[in-house]
């Protein structure tokens, strides 16, 4: 399988993943294992983020598109909580919902 997954330098992790082995988690994600959910940069300009279940990552990653992962959650509920955290951080920092610009700014720190 191609490794088209690019992890954001300031990767968000769901509360249930804090303190767990991130290298092992990324390995499992790359092979489509586990119930993880990825929050990624959107595939289109209409969405703010995509929420991708790990079980679909192999078929998506084999396309020519680079997948920019901004967050990893243990399950769907954890992913929804993580999405709320990211949106609230963006609002707090920028006073708007331009997540694309917010995440770009995070890379420069």
C-alpha atoms as a PDB file:
ATOM      1  CA  UNK A   1       0.000   0.000   0.000  1.00  0.00           C
ATOM      2  CA  UNK A   2       1.162   3.512  -0.755  1.00  0.00           C
ATOM      3  CA  UNK A   3       1.814   5.655   2.274  1.00  0.00           C
ATOM      4  CA  UNK A   4      -0.101   8.773   1.287  1.00  0.00           C
ATOM      5  CA  UNK A   5      -0.730   9.716   4.900  1.00  0.00           C
ATOM      6  CA  UNK A   6       0.926  12.912   6.034  1.00  0.00           C
ATOM      7  CA  UNK A   7       0.539  13.718   9.710  1.00  0.00           C
ATOM      8  CA  UNK A   8       0.206  17.352  10.790  1.00  0.00           C
ATOM      9  CA  UNK A   9       3.175  18.476  12.933  1.00  0.00           C
ATOM     10  CA  UNK A  10       0.765  19.471  15.707  1.00  0.00           C
ATOM     11  CA  UNK A  11      -1.400  16.382  15.461  1.00  0.00           C
ATOM     12  CA  UNK A  12      -4.563  16.440  17.560  1.00  0.00           C
ATOM     13  CA  UNK A  13      -5.269  13.257  19.519  1.00  0.00           C
ATOM     14  CA  UNK A  14      -8.564  12.193  21.009  1.00  0.00           C
ATOM     15  CA  UNK A  15      -8.708  12.052  24.806  1.00  0.00           C
ATOM     16  CA  UNK A  16      -8.825   8.251  24.748  1.00  0.00           C
ATOM     17  CA  UNK A  17      -5.525   8.074  22.843  1.00  0.00           C
ATOM     18  CA  UNK A  18      -3.506  10.319  25.125  1.00  0.00           C
ATOM     19  CA  UNK A  19      -0.596   8.406  26.628  1.00  0.00           C
ATOM     20  CA  UNK A  20      -0.824   5.555  24.102  1.00  0.00           C
ATOM     21  CA  UNK A  21       1.943   4.538  21.687  1.00  0.00           C
ATOM     22  CA  UNK A  22       1.481   6.817  18.657  1.00  0.00           C
ATOM     23  CA  UNK A  23       3.923   4.853  16.476  1.00  0.00           C
ATOM     24  CA  UNK A  24       1.860   1.679  16.990  1.00  0.00           C
ATOM     25  CA  UNK A  25      -1.378   3.555  16.329  1.00  0.00           C
ATOM     26  CA  UNK A  26      -0.025   4.987  13.049  1.00  0.00           C
ATOM     27  CA  UNK A  27       1.137   1.501  12.021  1.00  0.00           C
ATOM     28  CA  UNK A  28      -2.334   0.081  12.658  1.00  0.00           C
ATOM     29  CA  UNK A  29      -3.953   2.946  10.753  1.00  0.00           C
ATOM     30  CA  UNK A  30      -1.647   2.441   7.750  1.00  0.00           C
ATOM     31  CA  UNK A  31      -2.834  -1.173   7.604  1.00  0.00           C
ATOM     32  CA  UNK A  32      -6.509  -0.372   8.164  1.00  0.00           C
ATOM     33  CA  UNK A  33      -6.616  -2.002  11.591  1.00  0.00           C
ATOM     34  CA  UNK A  34      -8.559  -0.865  14.632  1.00  0.00           C
ATOM     35  CA  UNK A  35     -11.577   1.370  15.013  1.00  0.00           C
ATOM     36  CA  UNK A  36      -9.667   4.635  14.736  1.00  0.00           C
ATOM     37  CA  UNK A  37     -11.044   7.696  12.995  1.00  0.00           C
ATOM     38  CA  UNK A  38      -8.910  10.226  11.144  1.00  0.00           C
ATOM     39  CA  UNK A  39      -9.710  13.907  10.902  1.00  0.00           C
ATOM     40  CA  UNK A  40      -8.183  15.051   7.640  1.00  0.00           C
ATOM     41  CA  UNK A  41      -7.955  18.081   5.436  1.00  0.00           C
ATOM     42  CA  UNK A  42     -11.066  17.991   3.234  1.00  0.00           C
ATOM     43  CA  UNK A  43     -11.092  16.397  -0.203  1.00  0.00           C
ATOM     44  CA  UNK A  44     -13.166  19.333  -1.450  1.00  0.00           C
ATOM     45  CA  UNK A  45     -13.438  23.053  -0.676  1.00  0.00           C
ATOM     46  CA  UNK A  46     -16.982  22.778   0.690  1.00  0.00           C
ATOM     47  CA  UNK A  47     -16.078  20.893   3.876  1.00  0.00           C
ATOM     48  CA  UNK A  48     -13.947  22.033   6.802  1.00  0.00           C
ATOM     49  CA  UNK A  49     -12.576  18.586   7.696  1.00  0.00           C
ATOM     50  CA  UNK A  50     -13.214  15.006   6.634  1.00  0.00           C
ATOM     51  CA  UNK A  51     -13.835  12.267   9.176  1.00  0.00           C
ATOM     52  CA  UNK A  52     -12.536   8.942   7.826  1.00  0.00           C
ATOM     53  CA  UNK A  53     -12.947   5.590   9.582  1.00  0.00           C
ATOM     54  CA  UNK A  54      -9.675   3.670   9.630  1.00  0.00           C
ATOM     55  CA  UNK A  55     -11.228   0.678   7.862  1.00  0.00           C
ATOM     56  CA  UNK A  56     -11.521   2.780   4.671  1.00  0.00           C
ATOM     57  CA  UNK A  57      -8.056   4.288   4.759  1.00  0.00           C
ATOM     58  CA  UNK A  58      -6.390   1.675   2.538  1.00  0.00           C
ATOM     59  CA  UNK A  59      -8.740   2.258  -0.384  1.00  0.00           C
ATOM     60  CA  UNK A  60      -8.493   6.043   0.002  1.00  0.00           C
ATOM     61  CA  UNK A  61      -4.699   6.096   0.482  1.00  0.00           C
ATOM     62  CA  UNK A  62      -4.114   4.102  -2.702  1.00  0.00           C
ATOM     63  CA  UNK A  63      -5.390   7.016  -4.743  1.00  0.00           C
ATOM     64  CA  UNK A  64      -2.942   9.656  -5.883  1.00  0.00           C
ATOM     65  CA  UNK A  65      -4.160  12.191  -3.315  1.00  0.00           C
ATOM     66  CA  UNK A  66      -2.065  12.975  -0.258  1.00  0.00           C
ATOM     67  CA  UNK A  67      -4.109  12.666   2.935  1.00  0.00           C
ATOM     68  CA  UNK A  68      -3.217  15.367   5.437  1.00  0.00           C
ATOM     69  CA  UNK A  69      -4.145  13.943   8.856  1.00  0.00           C
ATOM     70  CA  UNK A  70      -4.791  16.620  11.491  1.00  0.00           C
ATOM     71  CA  UNK A  71      -6.288  14.388  14.191  1.00  0.00           C
ATOM     72  CA  UNK A  72      -6.687  10.792  15.305  1.00  0.00           C
ATOM     73  CA  UNK A  73      -9.488   9.513  17.518  1.00  0.00           C
ATOM     74  CA  UNK A  74     -10.118   6.098  19.040  1.00  0.00           C
ATOM     75  CA  UNK A  75     -13.740   5.858  17.863  1.00  0.00           C
ATOM     76  CA  UNK A  76     -16.527   7.950  16.370  1.00  0.00           C
ATOM     77  CA  UNK A  77     -17.564   9.509  19.682  1.00  0.00           C
ATOM     78  CA  UNK A  78     -13.954  10.465  20.434  1.00  0.00           C
ATOM     79  CA  UNK A  79     -13.699  11.906  16.899  1.00  0.00           C
ATOM     80  CA  UNK A  80     -16.751  14.135  17.439  1.00  0.00           C
ATOM     81  CA  UNK A  81     -15.239  15.406  20.690  1.00  0.00           C
ATOM     82  CA  UNK A  82     -11.914  16.027  18.942  1.00  0.00           C
ATOM     83  CA  UNK A  83     -13.640  17.927  16.146  1.00  0.00           C
ATOM     84  CA  UNK A  84     -15.283  20.163  18.756  1.00  0.00           C
ATOM     85  CA  UNK A  85     -11.882  20.824  20.334  1.00  0.00           C
ATOM     86  CA  UNK A  86     -10.323  21.767  16.981  1.00  0.00           C
ATOM     87  CA  UNK A  87     -13.200  24.103  16.085  1.00  0.00           C
ATOM     88  CA  UNK A  88     -13.109  25.750  19.525  1.00  0.00           C
ATOM     89  CA  UNK A  89      -9.320  26.212  19.278  1.00  0.00           C
ATOM     90  CA  UNK A  90      -9.762  27.831  15.873  1.00  0.00           C
ATOM     91  CA  UNK A  91     -12.491  30.166  17.163  1.00  0.00           C
ATOM     92  CA  UNK A  92     -10.403  31.090  20.184  1.00  0.00           C
ATOM     93  CA  UNK A  93      -7.278  31.797  18.116  1.00  0.00           C
ATOM     94  CA  UNK A  94      -8.769  33.385  14.977  1.00  0.00           C
ATOM     95  CA  UNK A  95     -12.343  34.401  15.912  1.00  0.00           C
ATOM     96  CA  UNK A  96     -13.544  32.625  12.744  1.00  0.00           C
ATOM     97  CA  UNK A  97     -13.986  29.108  11.377  1.00  0.00           C
ATOM     98  CA  UNK A  98     -11.251  29.134   8.749  1.00  0.00           C
ATOM     99  CA  UNK A  99      -9.760  25.800   9.799  1.00  0.00           C
ATOM    100  CA  UNK A 100      -7.521  25.602   6.744  1.00  0.00           C
ATOM    101  CA  UNK A 101      -5.703  28.825   7.688  1.00  0.00           C
ATOM    102  CA  UNK A 102      -5.685  27.933  11.377  1.00  0.00           C
ATOM    103  CA  UNK A 103      -3.982  24.592  10.690  1.00  0.00           C
ATOM    104  CA  UNK A 104      -1.475  26.223   8.339  1.00  0.00           C
ATOM    105  CA  UNK A 105      -0.568  28.714  11.070  1.00  0.00           C
ATOM    106  CA  UNK A 106      -0.035  25.872  13.542  1.00  0.00           C
ATOM    107  CA  UNK A 107       2.574  24.369  11.221  1.00  0.00           C
ATOM    108  CA  UNK A 108       4.717  27.495  11.417  1.00  0.00           C
ATOM    109  CA  UNK A 109       5.034  27.472  15.234  1.00  0.00           C
END
